[in-house]
Amino acid sequence: MTASRVPSLFAIAALFAWGGKGSDTLAFIVFFLAAITDFFDGWLARRMGIVSNFGKLMDALTDKILNIGMMIFLLVYPTSAPLLPSWCVFLVVIVLVRELLITGLRLVAASCDLVLSAERSGKIKTVLQIFAIGLFLFVRALETDFGFSPAIIENARLGALFAFSLATVLTVTSGVGYLIKYWHVFMSEPPPSPRGKS
């Protein structure tokens, strides 16, 4: 399930390129199914007692691939009027830089035989990113495949844009906190000792 999120991204890209009747709804469904694997793979791993280093690393990595890939798609789709306005390029670049830094930190840690699991704040920002992206796709499906009124579509799009902006803020704050906590890994220093201990 973890690995399935990557081919799901290509399936959504194919649906965007097709652009036929119902393609936007299918794209939303594929994204929704890919997104819920993020919950079920972790839940199953814990329930079955098969939590692994591979799962800890790849779960976070496939989340990043899916979400950043979708953000790029939203910046260019549809070509006539992209779902994400042009000024959101700045937000997407911020998210991309943050995710590359954290991934780099995890790779450095892995070279030192350390596996850094996702923090709670990072999981929350991922959920919020998924919600915002899914809402954009849902709004597009309502507009093209179900013919909802322009007023409803516009309000829903504003809600999606607010959720995306909020997700970007949380992406930055959680990333800064993660870097501060594990900066000693980047600097190849031993972790700070608990207060009161040598």
N, C-alpha and C. Protein backbone atom coordinates (compact mmCIF):
# COMPACT_ATOMS: atom_id res chain seq x y z
N MET A 1 0.82 -1.21 0.00
CA MET A 1 0.00 0.00 0.00
C MET A 1 0.85 1.26 0.00
N THR A 2 1.97 1.19 0.72
CA THR A 2 2.86 2.36 0.74
C THR A 2 3.37 2.68 -0.66
N ALA A 3 3.85 1.65 -1.35
CA ALA A 3 4.42 1.86 -2.69
C ALA A 3 3.36 2.24 -3.71
N SER A 4 2.09 1.90 -3.48
CA SER A 4 1.04 2.16 -4.46
C SER A 4 0.78 3.65 -4.67
N ARG A 5 1.22 4.50 -3.75
CA ARG A 5 0.96 5.92 -3.89
C ARG A 5 1.71 6.54 -5.08
N VAL A 6 2.86 5.95 -5.42
CA VAL A 6 3.64 6.48 -6.55
C VAL A 6 2.95 6.20 -7.89
N PRO A 7 2.56 4.95 -8.20
CA PRO A 7 1.83 4.74 -9.47
C PRO A 7 0.49 5.45 -9.51
N SER A 8 -0.11 5.69 -8.34
CA SER A 8 -1.38 6.44 -8.31
C SER A 8 -1.19 7.84 -8.87
N LEU A 9 -0.03 8.43 -8.60
CA LEU A 9 0.26 9.76 -9.11
C LEU A 9 0.28 9.77 -10.64
N PHE A 10 0.86 8.73 -11.24
CA PHE A 10 0.89 8.63 -12.70
C PHE A 10 -0.50 8.37 -13.27
N ALA A 11 -1.31 7.61 -12.53
CA ALA A 11 -2.69 7.36 -12.98
C ALA A 11 -3.48 8.67 -13.01
N ILE A 12 -3.29 9.50 -12.00
CA ILE A 12 -3.98 10.79 -11.96
C ILE A 12 -3.50 11.68 -13.10
N ALA A 13 -2.19 11.66 -13.37
CA ALA A 13 -1.64 12.45 -14.48
C ALA A 13 -2.26 12.02 -15.81
N ALA A 14 -2.44 10.70 -15.98
CA ALA A 14 -3.05 10.18 -17.21
C ALA A 14 -4.50 10.64 -17.34
N LEU A 15 -5.23 10.67 -16.22
CA LEU A 15 -6.61 11.14 -16.24
C LEU A 15 -6.67 12.62 -16.57
N PHE A 16 -5.74 13.40 -16.03
CA PHE A 16 -5.67 14.83 -16.37
C PHE A 16 -5.43 15.01 -17.87
N ALA A 17 -4.52 14.21 -18.40
CA ALA A 17 -4.18 14.33 -19.82
C ALA A 17 -5.35 13.90 -20.71
N TRP A 18 -6.09 12.91 -20.26
CA TRP A 18 -7.24 12.42 -21.02
C TRP A 18 -8.31 13.50 -21.13
N GLY A 19 -8.72 14.03 -20.00
CA GLY A 19 -9.67 15.14 -19.98
C GLY A 19 -11.05 14.80 -20.49
N GLY A 20 -11.42 13.53 -20.51
CA GLY A 20 -12.74 13.13 -20.98
C GLY A 20 -13.80 13.31 -19.91
N LYS A 21 -15.04 13.01 -20.27
CA LYS A 21 -16.15 13.12 -19.33
C LYS A 21 -15.93 12.17 -18.15
N GLY A 22 -15.98 12.70 -16.96
CA GLY A 22 -15.80 11.90 -15.76
C GLY A 22 -14.36 11.73 -15.33
N SER A 23 -13.41 12.26 -16.11
CA SER A 23 -12.00 12.08 -15.76
C SER A 23 -11.64 12.79 -14.46
N ASP A 24 -12.26 13.96 -14.23
CA ASP A 24 -11.95 14.69 -12.99
C ASP A 24 -12.46 13.95 -11.76
N THR A 25 -13.63 13.34 -11.90
CA THR A 25 -14.17 12.55 -10.79
C THR A 25 -13.29 11.33 -10.53
N LEU A 26 -12.86 10.67 -11.60
CA LEU A 26 -11.98 9.51 -11.44
C LEU A 26 -10.65 9.91 -10.81
N ALA A 27 -10.13 11.09 -11.20
CA ALA A 27 -8.88 11.56 -10.61
C ALA A 27 -9.04 11.78 -9.11
N PHE A 28 -10.17 12.34 -8.70
CA PHE A 28 -10.44 12.54 -7.27
C PHE A 28 -10.51 11.20 -6.55
N ILE A 29 -11.18 10.23 -7.16
CA ILE A 29 -11.33 8.91 -6.52
C ILE A 29 -9.98 8.23 -6.36
N VAL A 30 -9.15 8.28 -7.41
CA VAL A 30 -7.81 7.67 -7.34
C VAL A 30 -6.98 8.34 -6.25
N PHE A 31 -7.05 9.67 -6.18
CA PHE A 31 -6.29 10.37 -5.14
C PHE A 31 -6.81 10.02 -3.76
N PHE A 32 -8.12 9.93 -3.61
CA PHE A 32 -8.71 9.57 -2.31
C PHE A 32 -8.25 8.19 -1.88
N LEU A 33 -8.26 7.22 -2.80
CA LEU A 33 -7.83 5.87 -2.47
C LEU A 33 -6.35 5.84 -2.11
N ALA A 34 -5.53 6.63 -2.85
CA ALA A 34 -4.11 6.69 -2.54
C ALA A 34 -3.88 7.32 -1.17
N ALA A 35 -4.68 8.34 -0.86
CA ALA A 35 -4.51 9.05 0.41
C ALA A 35 -4.85 8.17 1.60
N ILE A 36 -5.92 7.36 1.50
CA ILE A 36 -6.32 6.56 2.66
C ILE A 36 -5.33 5.41 2.91
N THR A 37 -4.52 5.06 1.90
CA THR A 37 -3.50 4.04 2.18
C THR A 37 -2.49 4.56 3.20
N ASP A 38 -2.36 5.89 3.29
CA ASP A 38 -1.44 6.48 4.27
C ASP A 38 -1.87 6.14 5.69
N PHE A 39 -3.17 6.01 5.89
CA PHE A 39 -3.68 5.64 7.21
C PHE A 39 -3.61 4.13 7.41
N PHE A 40 -4.08 3.38 6.41
CA PHE A 40 -4.24 1.94 6.59
C PHE A 40 -2.91 1.20 6.63
N ASP A 41 -1.89 1.67 5.88
CA ASP A 41 -0.64 0.91 5.93
C ASP A 41 0.00 1.01 7.30
N GLY A 42 -0.04 2.20 7.91
CA GLY A 42 0.51 2.34 9.26
C GLY A 42 -0.31 1.59 10.28
N TRP A 43 -1.63 1.65 10.15
CA TRP A 43 -2.52 0.95 11.09
C TRP A 43 -2.31 -0.55 11.03
N LEU A 44 -2.21 -1.09 9.81
CA LEU A 44 -2.01 -2.53 9.65
C LEU A 44 -0.64 -2.96 10.18
N ALA A 45 0.37 -2.13 9.90
CA ALA A 45 1.72 -2.47 10.36
C ALA A 45 1.77 -2.56 11.88
N ARG A 46 1.15 -1.58 12.53
CA ARG A 46 1.14 -1.60 14.01
C ARG A 46 0.30 -2.75 14.54
N ARG A 47 -0.84 -3.00 13.91
CA ARG A 47 -1.73 -4.05 14.38
C ARG A 47 -1.11 -5.44 14.22
N MET A 48 -0.36 -5.62 13.13
CA MET A 48 0.25 -6.92 12.86
C MET A 48 1.67 -7.03 13.41
N GLY A 49 2.15 -5.95 14.00
CA GLY A 49 3.47 -5.98 14.60
C GLY A 49 4.59 -6.12 13.59
N ILE A 50 4.44 -5.48 12.43
CA ILE A 50 5.46 -5.60 11.39
C ILE A 50 6.00 -4.22 11.01
N VAL A 51 6.12 -3.33 11.99
CA VAL A 51 6.72 -2.03 11.76
C VAL A 51 8.19 -2.21 11.40
N SER A 52 8.62 -1.61 10.29
CA SER A 52 9.99 -1.81 9.82
C SER A 52 10.63 -0.47 9.49
N ASN A 53 11.96 -0.48 9.39
CA ASN A 53 12.68 0.72 8.98
C ASN A 53 12.28 1.14 7.57
N PHE A 54 12.07 0.14 6.70
CA PHE A 54 11.61 0.44 5.33
C PHE A 54 10.29 1.20 5.37
N GLY A 55 9.37 0.74 6.20
CA GLY A 55 8.07 1.40 6.30
C GLY A 55 8.18 2.81 6.83
N LYS A 56 9.03 3.01 7.83
CA LYS A 56 9.19 4.34 8.41
C LYS A 56 9.73 5.33 7.38
N LEU A 57 10.69 4.88 6.58
CA LEU A 57 11.30 5.76 5.59
C LEU A 57 10.41 5.94 4.37
N MET A 58 9.90 4.84 3.82
CA MET A 58 9.16 4.90 2.57
C MET A 58 7.77 5.50 2.74
N ASP A 59 7.17 5.33 3.90
CA ASP A 59 5.85 5.93 4.13
C ASP A 59 5.93 7.44 4.00
N ALA A 60 6.93 8.03 4.64
CA ALA A 60 7.10 9.49 4.56
C ALA A 60 7.50 9.92 3.15
N LEU A 61 8.35 9.14 2.50
CA LEU A 61 8.84 9.51 1.17
C LEU A 61 7.73 9.45 0.13
N THR A 62 6.92 8.40 0.15
CA THR A 62 5.84 8.30 -0.84
C THR A 62 4.77 9.36 -0.60
N ASP A 63 4.57 9.75 0.64
CA ASP A 63 3.67 10.87 0.93
C ASP A 63 4.15 12.13 0.22
N LYS A 64 5.44 12.39 0.33
CA LYS A 64 6.02 13.59 -0.28
C LYS A 64 5.91 13.54 -1.80
N ILE A 65 6.20 12.38 -2.38
CA ILE A 65 6.11 12.25 -3.84
C ILE A 65 4.69 12.51 -4.31
N LEU A 66 3.72 11.90 -3.64
CA LEU A 66 2.32 12.07 -4.04
C LEU A 66 1.88 13.52 -3.88
N ASN A 67 2.12 14.11 -2.72
CA ASN A 67 1.60 15.45 -2.46
C ASN A 67 2.29 16.52 -3.30
N ILE A 68 3.61 16.47 -3.41
CA ILE A 68 4.32 17.48 -4.21
C ILE A 68 3.98 17.31 -5.69
N GLY A 69 3.89 16.07 -6.14
CA GLY A 69 3.49 15.82 -7.52
C GLY A 69 2.12 16.40 -7.82
N MET A 70 1.19 16.21 -6.89
CA MET A 70 -0.16 16.74 -7.06
C MET A 70 -0.16 18.27 -7.05
N MET A 71 0.65 18.87 -6.21
CA MET A 71 0.73 20.34 -6.18
C MET A 71 1.20 20.88 -7.52
N ILE A 72 2.18 20.21 -8.11
CA ILE A 72 2.68 20.64 -9.42
C ILE A 72 1.58 20.48 -10.47
N PHE A 73 0.84 19.38 -10.42
CA PHE A 73 -0.26 19.19 -11.36
C PHE A 73 -1.29 20.32 -11.22
N LEU A 74 -1.60 20.68 -9.98
CA LEU A 74 -2.63 21.70 -9.75
C LEU A 74 -2.18 23.07 -10.25
N LEU A 75 -0.86 23.28 -10.37
CA LEU A 75 -0.35 24.55 -10.88
C LEU A 75 -0.51 24.67 -12.40
N VAL A 76 -0.69 23.56 -13.07
CA VAL A 76 -0.77 23.59 -14.54
C VAL A 76 -2.07 23.02 -15.09
N TYR A 77 -2.92 22.45 -14.24
CA TYR A 77 -4.17 21.84 -14.70
C TYR A 77 -5.37 22.54 -14.10
N PRO A 78 -6.39 22.79 -14.95
CA PRO A 78 -6.37 22.71 -16.42
C PRO A 78 -5.56 23.86 -17.01
N THR A 79 -5.08 23.69 -18.23
CA THR A 79 -4.19 24.69 -18.82
C THR A 79 -4.85 26.05 -18.98
N SER A 80 -6.16 26.07 -19.16
CA SER A 80 -6.87 27.35 -19.36
C SER A 80 -6.97 28.16 -18.07
N ALA A 81 -7.13 27.48 -16.94
CA ALA A 81 -7.26 28.16 -15.65
C ALA A 81 -6.85 27.19 -14.54
N PRO A 82 -5.54 27.09 -14.24
CA PRO A 82 -5.06 26.12 -13.25
C PRO A 82 -5.78 26.24 -11.91
N LEU A 83 -5.94 25.11 -11.25
CA LEU A 83 -6.66 25.08 -9.97
C LEU A 83 -5.93 25.88 -8.90
N LEU A 84 -4.60 25.85 -8.92
CA LEU A 84 -3.82 26.69 -8.02
C LEU A 84 -3.42 27.97 -8.76
N PRO A 85 -3.71 29.14 -8.21
CA PRO A 85 -3.31 30.39 -8.87
C PRO A 85 -1.79 30.50 -8.97
N SER A 86 -1.32 31.33 -9.89
CA SER A 86 0.12 31.41 -10.17
C SER A 86 0.95 31.80 -8.95
N TRP A 87 0.38 32.64 -8.05
CA TRP A 87 1.17 33.06 -6.89
C TRP A 87 1.46 31.91 -5.94
N CYS A 88 0.73 30.79 -6.09
CA CYS A 88 0.96 29.63 -5.23
C CYS A 88 2.25 28.89 -5.59
N VAL A 89 2.88 29.26 -6.72
CA VAL A 89 4.18 28.69 -7.05
C VAL A 89 5.14 28.92 -5.89
N PHE A 90 5.07 30.10 -5.29
CA PHE A 90 5.93 30.43 -4.15
C PHE A 90 5.70 29.46 -2.99
N LEU A 91 4.44 29.13 -2.71
CA LEU A 91 4.13 28.21 -1.62
C LEU A 91 4.61 26.80 -1.94
N VAL A 92 4.43 26.38 -3.19
CA VAL A 92 4.86 25.03 -3.59
C VAL A 92 6.37 24.90 -3.49
N VAL A 93 7.10 25.95 -3.87
CA VAL A 93 8.57 25.92 -3.76
C VAL A 93 8.98 25.80 -2.29
N ILE A 94 8.29 26.53 -1.41
CA ILE A 94 8.58 26.44 0.02
C ILE A 94 8.38 25.01 0.52
N VAL A 95 7.27 24.41 0.13
CA VAL A 95 6.99 23.03 0.54
C VAL A 95 8.06 22.09 -0.01
N LEU A 96 8.44 22.27 -1.28
CA LEU A 96 9.44 21.41 -1.91
C LEU A 96 10.78 21.51 -1.18
N VAL A 97 11.22 22.72 -0.88
CA VAL A 97 12.48 22.92 -0.18
C VAL A 97 12.45 22.26 1.19
N ARG A 98 11.35 22.45 1.89
CA ARG A 98 11.22 21.85 3.23
C ARG A 98 11.32 20.33 3.15
N GLU A 99 10.59 19.74 2.22
CA GLU A 99 10.56 18.29 2.13
C GLU A 99 11.93 17.73 1.70
N LEU A 100 12.63 18.44 0.83
CA LEU A 100 13.97 17.99 0.43
C LEU A 100 14.95 18.05 1.60
N LEU A 101 14.84 19.11 2.41
CA LEU A 101 15.71 19.23 3.57
C LEU A 101 15.47 18.10 4.57
N ILE A 102 14.20 17.81 4.83
CA ILE A 102 13.88 16.75 5.79
C ILE A 102 14.29 15.39 5.24
N THR A 103 14.06 15.17 3.95
CA THR A 103 14.49 13.91 3.33
C THR A 103 16.01 13.77 3.40
N GLY A 104 16.71 14.88 3.14
CA GLY A 104 18.17 14.85 3.25
C GLY A 104 18.62 14.52 4.66
N LEU A 105 17.93 15.08 5.64
CA LEU A 105 18.24 14.79 7.03
C LEU A 105 18.05 13.31 7.33
N ARG A 106 16.97 12.73 6.82
CA ARG A 106 16.72 11.31 7.06
C ARG A 106 17.78 10.44 6.38
N LEU A 107 18.25 10.85 5.20
CA LEU A 107 19.28 10.08 4.52
C LEU A 107 20.60 10.14 5.28
N VAL A 108 20.93 11.33 5.80
CA VAL A 108 22.13 11.45 6.62
C VAL A 108 22.02 10.58 7.85
N ALA A 109 20.84 10.59 8.48
CA ALA A 109 20.63 9.76 9.67
C ALA A 109 20.74 8.28 9.32
N ALA A 110 20.19 7.89 8.16
CA ALA A 110 20.25 6.49 7.76
C ALA A 110 21.69 6.04 7.55
N SER A 111 22.55 6.95 7.07
CA SER A 111 23.96 6.61 6.89
C SER A 111 24.66 6.38 8.22
N CYS A 112 24.05 6.90 9.29
CA CYS A 112 24.58 6.71 10.65
C CYS A 112 23.81 5.63 11.40
N ASP A 113 23.05 4.82 10.63
CA ASP A 113 22.24 3.74 11.21
C ASP A 113 21.16 4.26 12.15
N LEU A 114 20.64 5.45 11.85
CA LEU A 114 19.53 6.00 12.61
C LEU A 114 18.32 6.12 11.70
N VAL A 115 17.15 5.78 12.21
CA VAL A 115 15.91 5.93 11.45
C VAL A 115 15.05 6.97 12.16
N LEU A 116 14.81 8.08 11.49
CA LEU A 116 14.03 9.17 12.08
C LEU A 116 12.58 9.03 11.64
N SER A 117 11.72 8.72 12.57
CA SER A 117 10.29 8.60 12.26
C SER A 117 9.66 9.98 12.14
N ALA A 118 8.50 10.02 11.51
CA ALA A 118 7.78 11.28 11.35
C ALA A 118 7.29 11.78 12.70
N GLU A 119 7.34 13.10 12.89
CA GLU A 119 6.82 13.72 14.10
C GLU A 119 5.30 13.91 13.96
N ARG A 120 4.64 14.12 15.08
CA ARG A 120 3.19 14.32 15.06
C ARG A 120 2.81 15.54 14.21
N SER A 121 3.57 16.63 14.35
CA SER A 121 3.26 17.83 13.58
C SER A 121 3.41 17.57 12.08
N GLY A 122 4.40 16.75 11.72
CA GLY A 122 4.58 16.40 10.32
C GLY A 122 3.43 15.59 9.77
N LYS A 123 2.89 14.69 10.60
CA LYS A 123 1.74 13.90 10.17
C LYS A 123 0.51 14.77 9.99
N ILE A 124 0.36 15.76 10.87
CA ILE A 124 -0.79 16.66 10.76
C ILE A 124 -0.70 17.49 9.48
N LYS A 125 0.49 17.99 9.16
CA LYS A 125 0.64 18.81 7.94
C LYS A 125 0.38 17.95 6.71
N THR A 126 0.76 16.65 6.76
CA THR A 126 0.49 15.76 5.63
C THR A 126 -1.01 15.58 5.43
N VAL A 127 -1.73 15.39 6.53
CA VAL A 127 -3.19 15.25 6.45
C VAL A 127 -3.81 16.51 5.88
N LEU A 128 -3.32 17.67 6.31
CA LEU A 128 -3.87 18.93 5.83
C LEU A 128 -3.54 19.15 4.35
N GLN A 129 -2.35 18.77 3.93
CA GLN A 129 -2.00 18.84 2.51
C GLN A 129 -2.93 17.96 1.68
N ILE A 130 -3.14 16.74 2.15
CA ILE A 130 -4.02 15.80 1.45
C ILE A 130 -5.44 16.36 1.37
N PHE A 131 -5.91 16.94 2.48
CA PHE A 131 -7.25 17.51 2.50
C PHE A 131 -7.38 18.63 1.48
N ALA A 132 -6.40 19.53 1.45
CA ALA A 132 -6.46 20.67 0.53
C ALA A 132 -6.42 20.21 -0.93
N ILE A 133 -5.52 19.30 -1.25
CA ILE A 133 -5.41 18.79 -2.61
C ILE A 133 -6.69 18.07 -3.01
N GLY A 134 -7.19 17.22 -2.11
CA GLY A 134 -8.43 16.50 -2.39
C GLY A 134 -9.60 17.43 -2.59
N LEU A 135 -9.64 18.52 -1.83
CA LEU A 135 -10.73 19.49 -1.97
C LEU A 135 -10.67 20.18 -3.33
N PHE A 136 -9.46 20.53 -3.78
CA PHE A 136 -9.32 21.12 -5.12
C PHE A 136 -9.85 20.17 -6.19
N LEU A 137 -9.49 18.89 -6.09
CA LEU A 137 -9.94 17.91 -7.07
C LEU A 137 -11.45 17.70 -6.99
N PHE A 138 -11.98 17.70 -5.77
CA PHE A 138 -13.42 17.52 -5.57
C PHE A 138 -14.20 18.68 -6.18
N VAL A 139 -13.70 19.89 -5.95
CA VAL A 139 -14.35 21.08 -6.52
C VAL A 139 -14.34 21.02 -8.03
N ARG A 140 -13.21 20.61 -8.60
CA ARG A 140 -13.12 20.49 -10.06
C ARG A 140 -14.12 19.48 -10.60
N ALA A 141 -14.26 18.35 -9.89
CA ALA A 141 -15.23 17.33 -10.32
C ALA A 141 -16.66 17.86 -10.24
N LEU A 142 -16.97 18.59 -9.18
CA LEU A 142 -18.32 19.17 -9.04
C LEU A 142 -18.61 20.13 -10.19
N GLU A 143 -17.58 20.86 -10.60
CA GLU A 143 -17.76 21.86 -11.65
C GLU A 143 -17.92 21.23 -13.03
N THR A 144 -17.05 20.28 -13.36
CA THR A 144 -17.04 19.75 -14.73
C THR A 144 -17.98 18.58 -14.94
N ASP A 145 -18.14 17.73 -13.93
CA ASP A 145 -18.92 16.50 -14.11
C ASP A 145 -20.33 16.57 -13.53
N PHE A 146 -20.56 17.53 -12.63
CA PHE A 146 -21.87 17.60 -11.98
C PHE A 146 -22.56 18.95 -12.15
N GLY A 147 -21.86 19.94 -12.71
CA GLY A 147 -22.47 21.21 -13.04
C GLY A 147 -23.00 22.02 -11.88
N PHE A 148 -22.28 22.04 -10.76
CA PHE A 148 -22.71 22.86 -9.62
C PHE A 148 -22.61 24.34 -9.98
N SER A 149 -23.35 25.16 -9.26
CA SER A 149 -23.40 26.59 -9.55
C SER A 149 -22.05 27.25 -9.33
N PRO A 150 -21.74 28.31 -10.11
CA PRO A 150 -20.45 29.01 -9.96
C PRO A 150 -20.22 29.55 -8.56
N ALA A 151 -21.29 29.99 -7.86
CA ALA A 151 -21.14 30.54 -6.51
C ALA A 151 -20.64 29.47 -5.55
N ILE A 152 -21.22 28.28 -5.63
CA ILE A 152 -20.80 27.18 -4.75
C ILE A 152 -19.36 26.78 -5.06
N ILE A 153 -19.04 26.70 -6.34
CA ILE A 153 -17.70 26.32 -6.77
C ILE A 153 -16.67 27.32 -6.27
N GLU A 154 -16.98 28.61 -6.39
CA GLU A 154 -16.03 29.64 -5.99
C GLU A 154 -15.78 29.60 -4.48
N ASN A 155 -16.84 29.44 -3.70
CA ASN A 155 -16.69 29.37 -2.24
C ASN A 155 -15.87 28.15 -1.83
N ALA A 156 -16.15 27.02 -2.47
CA ALA A 156 -15.41 25.80 -2.16
C ALA A 156 -13.94 25.95 -2.56
N ARG A 157 -13.68 26.62 -3.67
CA ARG A 157 -12.30 26.83 -4.11
C ARG A 157 -11.55 27.73 -3.14
N LEU A 158 -12.21 28.74 -2.62
CA LEU A 158 -11.58 29.61 -1.63
C LEU A 158 -11.25 28.82 -0.36
N GLY A 159 -12.16 27.91 0.01
CA GLY A 159 -11.89 27.06 1.18
C GLY A 159 -10.69 26.17 0.95
N ALA A 160 -10.57 25.63 -0.25
CA ALA A 160 -9.42 24.78 -0.57
C ALA A 160 -8.14 25.59 -0.55
N LEU A 161 -8.19 26.82 -1.05
CA LEU A 161 -7.01 27.68 -1.07
C LEU A 161 -6.58 28.05 0.34
N PHE A 162 -7.55 28.29 1.22
CA PHE A 162 -7.23 28.58 2.62
C PHE A 162 -6.57 27.37 3.28
N ALA A 163 -7.12 26.18 3.02
CA ALA A 163 -6.55 24.96 3.60
C ALA A 163 -5.14 24.72 3.09
N PHE A 164 -4.91 25.02 1.82
CA PHE A 164 -3.57 24.84 1.24
C PHE A 164 -2.57 25.83 1.86
N SER A 165 -3.01 27.07 2.06
CA SER A 165 -2.13 28.07 2.67
C SER A 165 -1.80 27.68 4.11
N LEU A 166 -2.81 27.20 4.83
CA LEU A 166 -2.59 26.76 6.21
C LEU A 166 -1.64 25.56 6.26
N ALA A 167 -1.80 24.65 5.31
CA ALA A 167 -0.91 23.48 5.25
C ALA A 167 0.53 23.91 4.99
N THR A 168 0.71 24.96 4.17
CA THR A 168 2.07 25.46 3.90
C THR A 168 2.71 26.02 5.16
N VAL A 169 1.92 26.78 5.93
CA VAL A 169 2.44 27.35 7.18
C VAL A 169 2.86 26.22 8.13
N LEU A 170 2.01 25.20 8.26
CA LEU A 170 2.33 24.09 9.15
C LEU A 170 3.51 23.28 8.61
N THR A 171 3.63 23.20 7.29
CA THR A 171 4.76 22.51 6.69
C THR A 171 6.08 23.18 7.09
N VAL A 172 6.09 24.51 7.07
CA VAL A 172 7.30 25.26 7.43
C VAL A 172 7.61 25.11 8.92
N THR A 173 6.61 25.33 9.77
CA THR A 173 6.84 25.29 11.22
C THR A 173 7.25 23.89 11.68
N SER A 174 6.60 22.86 11.14
CA SER A 174 6.97 21.50 11.54
C SER A 174 8.37 21.15 11.03
N GLY A 175 8.72 21.64 9.84
CA GLY A 175 10.05 21.39 9.30
C GLY A 175 11.14 22.05 10.13
N VAL A 176 10.90 23.29 10.54
CA VAL A 176 11.87 23.99 11.37
C VAL A 176 12.07 23.25 12.69
N GLY A 177 10.96 22.83 13.30
CA GLY A 177 11.06 22.10 14.56
C GLY A 177 11.81 20.79 14.40
N TYR A 178 11.59 20.10 13.27
CA TYR A 178 12.27 18.83 13.01
C TYR A 178 13.77 19.04 12.83
N LEU A 179 14.13 20.10 12.08
CA LEU A 179 15.55 20.39 11.87
C LEU A 179 16.25 20.76 13.17
N ILE A 180 15.57 21.55 14.00
CA ILE A 180 16.17 21.93 15.29
C ILE A 180 16.40 20.69 16.17
N LYS A 181 15.40 19.82 16.18
CA LYS A 181 15.49 18.63 17.03
C LYS A 181 16.62 17.70 16.60
N TYR A 182 16.82 17.58 15.28
CA TYR A 182 17.79 16.61 14.79
C TYR A 182 18.99 17.28 14.10
N TRP A 183 19.26 18.54 14.42
CA TRP A 183 20.36 19.24 13.77
C TRP A 183 21.70 18.56 14.05
N HIS A 184 21.82 17.93 15.22
CA HIS A 184 23.07 17.25 15.57
C HIS A 184 23.39 16.13 14.57
N VAL A 185 22.34 15.59 13.92
CA VAL A 185 22.58 14.54 12.92
C VAL A 185 23.25 15.14 11.70
N PHE A 186 22.76 16.31 11.26
CA PHE A 186 23.38 17.01 10.13
C PHE A 186 24.83 17.37 10.44
N MET A 187 25.08 17.78 11.67
CA MET A 187 26.41 18.24 12.05
C MET A 187 27.32 17.11 12.52
N SER A 188 26.78 15.86 12.46
CA SER A 188 27.53 14.68 12.90
C SER A 188 28.00 14.81 14.33
N GLU A 189 27.14 15.40 15.16
CA GLU A 189 27.43 15.56 16.58
C GLU A 189 26.61 14.56 17.37
N PRO A 190 27.05 14.18 18.56
CA PRO A 190 26.23 13.32 19.40
C PRO A 190 25.00 14.08 19.87
N PRO A 191 23.87 13.39 20.08
CA PRO A 191 22.67 14.07 20.54
C PRO A 191 22.89 14.72 21.89
N PRO A 192 22.19 15.85 22.16
CA PRO A 192 22.37 16.50 23.45
C PRO A 192 21.96 15.60 24.60
N SER A 193 22.74 15.63 25.68
CA SER A 193 22.42 14.79 26.84
C SER A 193 21.25 15.37 27.61
N PRO A 194 20.38 14.50 28.18
CA PRO A 194 19.30 15.01 29.03
C PRO A 194 19.86 15.84 30.17
N ARG A 195 19.10 16.84 30.60
CA ARG A 195 19.55 17.72 31.67
C ARG A 195 19.80 16.90 32.94
N GLY A 196 20.91 17.20 33.55
CA GLY A 196 21.23 16.52 34.80
C GLY A 196 22.08 15.28 34.63
N LYS A 197 22.33 14.88 33.33
CA LYS A 197 23.14 13.69 33.08
C LYS A 197 24.37 14.10 32.29
N SER A 198 25.42 13.33 32.45
CA SER A 198 26.67 13.65 31.74
C SER A 198 26.60 13.15 30.30
